[in-house]
Amino acid sequence: MPNYDSRQKRATNQLEKYSQGVITYLARGSKSGDAWKPTIASDTSHPLDGVVKGVSKEYVDGTHIVSTDLQATVEVFAVDPLIDGRLDIDGEIFQIKKIIQLPAAGTPIAWRLIIGS
C-alpha cells in the first residue's frame, strides 16, 4: 500500500521548488444573520505553492470549461478547496470551475483546479 503522506510531502516539495507567481486560495466568508439581510464574513486567504498553465484539452467541454481557461496544480493546504472558492494569481481573481483531487481516491497529494474569469 502506498504511503500517501510521504507522497504528499514530496509533491509539496516539488510544487514549492517550481512554484510560479503568487497563488492564494480565497475561501468564501460564512453567512450569518437574517436571510433578507445576511452578514458575510471576510474571505480567508490560504497562500499556496503551485504551477499554472493553460487548461489541458481533455478538460475542455466548450461550454463550462473553454480553451482560454487555466489549470493550477497546487499543494494540499489547511482546507479542501470548494467550488465557490477563488484563486488569486498575481493579483488577478479566478473562479474555480472544477476541482480534481490527485489521486482521485485516498489521501490527496495535490489539487488540480480548473479556473477561469
Protein backbone atom coordinates (compact mmCIF):
# COMPACT_ATOMS: atom_id res chain seq x y z
CA MET A 1 0.00 0.00 0.00
CA PRO A 2 1.46 3.39 -0.97
CA ASN A 3 2.39 5.86 1.74
CA TYR A 4 0.32 8.89 0.69
CA ASP A 5 1.70 11.11 3.46
CA SER A 6 5.19 10.64 2.04
CA ARG A 7 3.93 11.27 -1.49
CA GLN A 8 2.06 14.38 -0.33
CA LYS A 9 5.26 15.74 1.22
CA ARG A 10 7.22 15.00 -1.97
CA ALA A 11 4.56 16.70 -4.15
CA THR A 12 4.53 19.72 -1.84
CA ASN A 13 8.33 19.97 -2.04
CA GLN A 14 8.23 19.84 -5.86
CA LEU A 15 5.46 22.43 -6.07
CA GLU A 16 7.40 24.68 -3.70
CA LYS A 17 10.53 24.27 -5.83
CA TYR A 18 8.77 25.13 -9.11
CA SER A 19 6.09 27.47 -7.76
CA GLN A 20 5.07 30.26 -10.14
CA GLY A 21 4.00 33.70 -9.04
CA VAL A 22 1.83 34.40 -6.01
CA ILE A 23 -1.10 31.98 -5.69
CA THR A 24 -3.70 32.36 -2.94
CA TYR A 25 -6.86 30.32 -2.38
CA LEU A 26 -9.69 32.55 -1.17
CA ALA A 27 -12.29 30.67 0.89
CA ARG A 28 -15.62 32.48 0.92
CA GLY A 29 -16.63 34.04 4.22
CA SER A 30 -19.51 32.43 6.08
CA LYS A 31 -23.01 33.95 6.05
CA SER A 32 -24.91 34.70 9.21
CA GLY A 33 -27.86 36.81 10.31
CA ASP A 34 -31.25 37.20 8.71
CA ALA A 35 -31.90 35.74 5.27
CA TRP A 36 -33.09 39.11 3.96
CA LYS A 37 -30.02 40.94 5.30
CA PRO A 38 -27.18 38.46 5.77
CA THR A 39 -23.82 39.35 7.21
CA ILE A 40 -20.95 37.89 5.22
CA ALA A 41 -17.60 37.39 6.93
CA SER A 42 -14.36 38.26 5.16
CA ASP A 43 -12.76 35.69 2.87
CA THR A 44 -10.00 33.54 4.36
CA SER A 45 -6.70 33.53 2.44
CA HIS A 46 -4.50 30.46 2.05
CA PRO A 47 -1.15 31.16 0.31
CA LEU A 48 -0.14 28.25 -1.92
CA ASP A 49 2.77 26.87 -3.86
CA GLY A 50 1.81 25.66 -7.30
CA VAL A 51 2.09 25.91 -11.05
CA VAL A 52 -0.37 27.36 -13.55
CA LYS A 53 -0.74 26.63 -17.26
CA GLY A 54 -3.34 26.63 -19.99
CA VAL A 55 -6.11 24.09 -19.48
CA SER A 56 -5.42 20.64 -20.92
CA LYS A 57 -7.55 19.71 -23.92
CA GLU A 58 -9.03 16.72 -22.05
CA TYR A 59 -10.94 19.07 -19.69
CA VAL A 60 -12.35 21.43 -22.33
CA ASP A 61 -16.06 20.83 -22.96
CA GLY A 62 -16.69 24.03 -24.93
CA THR A 63 -19.37 25.35 -22.57
CA HIS A 64 -18.39 25.27 -18.91
CA ILE A 65 -14.65 24.83 -19.48
CA VAL A 66 -13.21 26.60 -22.52
CA SER A 67 -9.79 26.61 -24.14
CA THR A 68 -8.90 30.03 -22.64
CA ASP A 69 -9.27 28.72 -19.06
CA LEU A 70 -6.29 27.79 -16.91
CA GLN A 71 -5.39 24.87 -14.68
CA ALA A 72 -3.49 25.26 -11.44
CA THR A 73 -1.81 22.35 -9.70
CA VAL A 74 -1.36 23.33 -6.07
CA GLU A 75 -0.23 21.80 -2.82
CA VAL A 76 -2.57 20.35 -0.23
CA PHE A 77 -3.39 23.07 2.31
CA ALA A 78 -5.38 23.64 5.51
CA VAL A 79 -8.81 23.22 3.88
CA ASP A 80 -10.15 21.27 0.92
CA PRO A 81 -10.91 23.64 -1.97
CA LEU A 82 -14.58 24.29 -2.71
CA ILE A 83 -16.22 25.28 -5.98
CA ASP A 84 -17.30 28.63 -4.50
CA GLY A 85 -13.70 29.44 -3.60
CA ARG A 86 -11.48 31.51 -5.84
CA LEU A 87 -7.81 31.70 -6.75
CA ASP A 88 -5.87 34.93 -6.69
CA ILE A 89 -2.93 34.59 -9.08
CA ASP A 90 -0.59 37.56 -9.10
CA GLY A 91 -3.47 39.85 -8.12
CA GLU A 92 -5.99 38.55 -10.69
CA ILE A 93 -9.03 36.71 -9.30
CA PHE A 94 -10.21 33.50 -10.98
CA GLN A 95 -13.35 31.46 -10.30
CA ILE A 96 -12.86 27.73 -9.71
CA LYS A 97 -14.75 25.72 -12.32
CA LYS A 98 -13.61 22.19 -11.48
CA ILE A 99 -11.72 20.56 -8.60
CA ILE A 100 -9.69 17.42 -9.21
CA GLN A 101 -8.11 15.59 -6.30
CA LEU A 102 -4.79 13.91 -7.11
CA PRO A 103 -5.01 10.93 -6.80
CA ALA A 104 -8.77 10.59 -7.24
CA ALA A 105 -9.20 8.41 -4.14
CA GLY A 106 -7.42 8.20 -0.81
CA THR A 107 -5.28 10.90 0.73
CA PRO A 108 -4.80 13.85 -1.65
CA ILE A 109 -1.21 14.68 -2.56
CA ALA A 110 -2.13 17.77 -4.63
CA TRP A 111 -5.13 19.55 -6.15
CA ARG A 112 -5.73 20.40 -9.81
CA LEU A 113 -8.07 23.37 -10.10
CA ILE A 114 -9.58 24.39 -13.42
CA ILE A 115 -10.12 28.14 -13.28
CA GLY A 116 -11.46 30.95 -15.43
CA SER A 117 -12.56 34.55 -15.33
